[in-house]
Amino acid sequence: MNDKEIVEIDVEIIWETSDAVWVTDGFTRAWLPKSQIKLPDDVNEAAIEPGQTLTVELPAWLAEDRGLG
């Protein structure tokens, strides 16, 4: 796997802290560091709420490590 490979995953937001977002892809729940994910351009980070479903971009190694996708 290429260390720079980026994947897009649809996730539901469970909870958010200042440094990370707790998400589920419907099967797995995982904490994702905000520094490693990219939110859609039309989403304001301050407006993220639990229950919201988003498509996020993250490194493939992180998705694999957390069991997402």
Protein backbone atom coordinates (compact mmCIF):
# COMPACT_ATOMS: atom_id res chain seq x y z
CA MET A 1 0.00 0.00 0.00
CA ASN A 2 1.23 3.45 -0.92
CA ASP A 3 1.72 5.62 2.20
CA LYS A 4 0.28 8.60 0.32
CA GLU A 5 -2.85 6.81 -0.93
CA ILE A 6 -6.05 8.61 0.07
CA VAL A 7 -9.45 6.93 0.39
CA GLU A 8 -12.95 8.34 0.77
CA ILE A 9 -15.22 6.72 3.34
CA ASP A 10 -18.81 7.49 4.29
CA VAL A 11 -19.03 7.74 8.07
CA GLU A 12 -21.56 8.76 10.67
CA ILE A 13 -20.32 11.13 13.36
CA ILE A 14 -20.81 9.70 16.86
CA TRP A 15 -18.89 12.26 18.89
CA GLU A 16 -16.34 15.00 18.39
CA THR A 17 -13.56 16.46 20.52
CA SER A 18 -11.15 19.26 19.73
CA ASP A 19 -8.60 16.75 18.39
CA ALA A 20 -10.56 13.78 17.05
CA VAL A 21 -13.85 12.53 15.68
CA TRP A 22 -15.47 9.25 16.76
CA VAL A 23 -17.13 7.72 13.70
CA THR A 24 -18.79 4.57 12.44
CA ASP A 25 -18.97 3.19 8.93
CA GLY A 26 -21.95 1.04 9.92
CA PHE A 27 -19.80 -1.86 11.10
CA THR A 28 -16.81 -0.43 12.94
CA ARG A 29 -16.42 2.47 15.34
CA ALA A 30 -13.14 4.36 15.44
CA TRP A 31 -11.52 7.56 16.63
CA LEU A 32 -9.97 9.53 13.78
CA PRO A 33 -7.52 12.35 14.50
CA LYS A 34 -8.72 15.58 12.89
CA SER A 35 -5.17 16.23 11.68
CA GLN A 36 -5.38 13.11 9.46
CA ILE A 37 -8.82 13.57 7.86
CA LYS A 38 -10.25 16.00 5.34
CA LEU A 39 -13.89 16.99 5.55
CA PRO A 40 -15.91 17.90 2.46
CA ASP A 41 -15.33 21.50 1.35
CA ASP A 42 -18.96 22.43 1.99
CA VAL A 43 -18.85 21.31 5.66
CA ASN A 44 -17.91 23.78 8.37
CA GLU A 45 -15.93 21.92 11.05
CA ALA A 46 -17.70 23.94 13.74
CA ALA A 47 -21.08 22.69 12.49
CA ILE A 48 -20.37 18.95 12.80
CA GLU A 49 -23.03 17.24 14.91
CA PRO A 50 -23.55 13.68 16.18
CA GLY A 51 -25.67 11.65 13.77
CA GLN A 52 -24.43 13.55 10.73
CA THR A 53 -23.20 11.41 7.83
CA LEU A 54 -20.21 12.68 5.86
CA THR A 55 -17.76 11.46 3.26
CA VAL A 56 -14.27 12.02 4.65
CA GLU A 57 -10.87 11.64 3.02
CA LEU A 58 -8.14 9.94 5.00
CA PRO A 59 -4.93 8.03 4.38
CA ALA A 60 -5.57 4.43 3.33
CA TRP A 61 -3.21 3.19 6.06
CA LEU A 62 -5.34 4.91 8.72
CA ALA A 63 -8.59 3.46 7.36
CA GLU A 64 -7.02 -0.01 7.32
CA ASP A 65 -5.52 0.43 10.80
CA ARG A 66 -8.93 1.43 12.22
CA GLY A 67 -10.83 -1.25 10.29
CA LEU A 68 -12.95 1.23 8.34
CA GLY A 69 -14.27 0.86 4.83
